[in-house]
């Protein structure tokens, strides 16, 4: 199954860079931790550096995020999905 993802790099507030991945979880099955772990490992196996990761999904007509607390806070400020890659899982 192919999953859309965004692999982005942003400057960290403490200096340096953070590589992060956001995965298109059109629906979640209740095991968000397991799903996020599986997708993150798959991205790393495909050669992508991932320091932080999150799931993105629609709930109640709104974009929601689940994952690393700091990344979710950043994404919640108005990030709109712009998928850069597809991975097979």
C-alpha atoms as a PDB file:
ATOM      1  CA  UNK A   1       0.000   0.000   0.000  1.00  0.00           C
ATOM      2  CA  UNK A   2       1.346   3.460  -0.912  1.00  0.00           C
ATOM      3  CA  UNK A   3       1.184   6.224   1.703  1.00  0.00           C
ATOM      4  CA  UNK A   4       1.646   9.926   0.929  1.00  0.00           C
ATOM      5  CA  UNK A   5       4.146  11.702   3.119  1.00  0.00           C
ATOM      6  CA  UNK A   6       5.889  15.030   3.432  1.00  0.00           C
ATOM      7  CA  UNK A   7       9.587  14.997   4.277  1.00  0.00           C
ATOM      8  CA  UNK A   8      10.684  18.459   5.337  1.00  0.00           C
ATOM      9  CA  UNK A   9      13.663  20.176   6.899  1.00  0.00           C
ATOM     10  CA  UNK A  10      13.300  23.282   9.054  1.00  0.00           C
ATOM     11  CA  UNK A  11      15.658  25.305  11.197  1.00  0.00           C
ATOM     12  CA  UNK A  12      15.378  24.363  14.871  1.00  0.00           C
ATOM     13  CA  UNK A  13      14.781  27.068  17.463  1.00  0.00           C
ATOM     14  CA  UNK A  14      17.988  25.975  19.196  1.00  0.00           C
ATOM     15  CA  UNK A  15      19.999  26.139  15.955  1.00  0.00           C
ATOM     16  CA  UNK A  16      20.757  23.403  13.488  1.00  0.00           C
ATOM     17  CA  UNK A  17      18.127  21.567  11.475  1.00  0.00           C
ATOM     18  CA  UNK A  18      15.272  19.144  12.132  1.00  0.00           C
ATOM     19  CA  UNK A  19      14.174  16.623   9.514  1.00  0.00           C
ATOM     20  CA  UNK A  20      10.586  15.581   9.931  1.00  0.00           C
ATOM     21  CA  UNK A  21       8.011  13.391   8.245  1.00  0.00           C
ATOM     22  CA  UNK A  22       4.245  13.789   8.162  1.00  0.00           C
ATOM     23  CA  UNK A  23       2.237  10.811   6.980  1.00  0.00           C
ATOM     24  CA  UNK A  24      -1.193  10.918   5.324  1.00  0.00           C
ATOM     25  CA  UNK A  25      -3.291   8.773   7.644  1.00  0.00           C
ATOM     26  CA  UNK A  26      -6.633   9.085   5.871  1.00  0.00           C
ATOM     27  CA  UNK A  27      -8.124   7.181   8.757  1.00  0.00           C
ATOM     28  CA  UNK A  28      -6.637   5.799  11.927  1.00  0.00           C
ATOM     29  CA  UNK A  29      -7.331   2.380  13.382  1.00  0.00           C
ATOM     30  CA  UNK A  30      -6.871   3.349  17.017  1.00  0.00           C
ATOM     31  CA  UNK A  31      -3.241   2.207  17.193  1.00  0.00           C
ATOM     32  CA  UNK A  32      -1.731   5.562  16.275  1.00  0.00           C
ATOM     33  CA  UNK A  33       1.537   4.795  18.069  1.00  0.00           C
ATOM     34  CA  UNK A  34       2.000   1.546  16.150  1.00  0.00           C
ATOM     35  CA  UNK A  35       1.061   3.104  12.822  1.00  0.00           C
ATOM     36  CA  UNK A  36       3.373   6.086  13.333  1.00  0.00           C
ATOM     37  CA  UNK A  37       6.244   3.800  14.342  1.00  0.00           C
ATOM     38  CA  UNK A  38       5.733   1.563  11.289  1.00  0.00           C
ATOM     39  CA  UNK A  39       5.595   4.494   8.869  1.00  0.00           C
ATOM     40  CA  UNK A  40       8.597   6.237  10.447  1.00  0.00           C
ATOM     41  CA  UNK A  41      10.665   3.044  10.227  1.00  0.00           C
ATOM     42  CA  UNK A  42       9.618   2.596   6.594  1.00  0.00           C
ATOM     43  CA  UNK A  43      10.725   6.157   5.750  1.00  0.00           C
ATOM     44  CA  UNK A  44      14.094   5.564   7.442  1.00  0.00           C
ATOM     45  CA  UNK A  45      14.501   2.243   5.610  1.00  0.00           C
ATOM     46  CA  UNK A  46      13.971   4.183   2.369  1.00  0.00           C
ATOM     47  CA  UNK A  47      16.946   6.417   3.234  1.00  0.00           C
ATOM     48  CA  UNK A  48      15.144   9.428   4.695  1.00  0.00           C
ATOM     49  CA  UNK A  49      16.432  11.072   7.858  1.00  0.00           C
ATOM     50  CA  UNK A  50      13.547  11.469  10.313  1.00  0.00           C
ATOM     51  CA  UNK A  51      14.116  13.252  13.644  1.00  0.00           C
ATOM     52  CA  UNK A  52      10.412  13.792  14.382  1.00  0.00           C
ATOM     53  CA  UNK A  53       7.234  12.414  12.803  1.00  0.00           C
ATOM     54  CA  UNK A  54       3.463  12.804  12.879  1.00  0.00           C
ATOM     55  CA  UNK A  55       0.263  11.487  11.334  1.00  0.00           C
ATOM     56  CA  UNK A  56      -2.081  13.895   9.537  1.00  0.00           C
ATOM     57  CA  UNK A  57      -5.776  13.082   9.187  1.00  0.00           C
ATOM     58  CA  UNK A  58      -9.189  14.696   8.866  1.00  0.00           C
ATOM     59  CA  UNK A  59     -11.551  14.579  11.839  1.00  0.00           C
ATOM     60  CA  UNK A  60     -14.783  16.539  12.057  1.00  0.00           C
ATOM     61  CA  UNK A  61     -13.860  18.427   8.895  1.00  0.00           C
ATOM     62  CA  UNK A  62     -10.590  19.676  10.394  1.00  0.00           C
ATOM     63  CA  UNK A  63      -6.972  18.651   9.888  1.00  0.00           C
ATOM     64  CA  UNK A  64      -5.632  16.889  12.982  1.00  0.00           C
ATOM     65  CA  UNK A  65      -2.134  15.716  13.839  1.00  0.00           C
ATOM     66  CA  UNK A  66      -0.788  12.963  16.067  1.00  0.00           C
ATOM     67  CA  UNK A  67       2.836  12.388  16.960  1.00  0.00           C
ATOM     68  CA  UNK A  68       5.820  14.196  18.427  1.00  0.00           C
ATOM     69  CA  UNK A  69       4.493  16.946  20.714  1.00  0.00           C
ATOM     70  CA  UNK A  70       6.720  19.719  19.341  1.00  0.00           C
ATOM     71  CA  UNK A  71       6.036  18.771  15.730  1.00  0.00           C
ATOM     72  CA  UNK A  72       2.268  18.601  16.311  1.00  0.00           C
ATOM     73  CA  UNK A  73       2.398  22.065  17.883  1.00  0.00           C
ATOM     74  CA  UNK A  74       4.295  23.404  14.852  1.00  0.00           C
ATOM     75  CA  UNK A  75       1.941  21.767  12.331  1.00  0.00           C
ATOM     76  CA  UNK A  76      -1.185  22.924  14.177  1.00  0.00           C
ATOM     77  CA  UNK A  77      -0.325  26.542  13.413  1.00  0.00           C
ATOM     78  CA  UNK A  78      -1.712  26.142   9.908  1.00  0.00           C
ATOM     79  CA  UNK A  79       0.360  23.563   8.027  1.00  0.00           C
ATOM     80  CA  UNK A  80      -1.438  22.362   4.915  1.00  0.00           C
ATOM     81  CA  UNK A  81      -0.426  18.973   3.488  1.00  0.00           C
ATOM     82  CA  UNK A  82       1.967  19.207   0.566  1.00  0.00           C
ATOM     83  CA  UNK A  83       3.056  15.633  -0.028  1.00  0.00           C
ATOM     84  CA  UNK A  84       6.629  15.247  -1.272  1.00  0.00           C
ATOM     85  CA  UNK A  85       7.023  11.443  -1.331  1.00  0.00           C
ATOM     86  CA  UNK A  86       5.162   8.141  -1.385  1.00  0.00           C
ATOM     87  CA  UNK A  87       6.330   5.135   0.560  1.00  0.00           C
ATOM     88  CA  UNK A  88       5.259   1.507   0.348  1.00  0.00           C
ATOM     89  CA  UNK A  89       4.189  -0.231   3.548  1.00  0.00           C
END
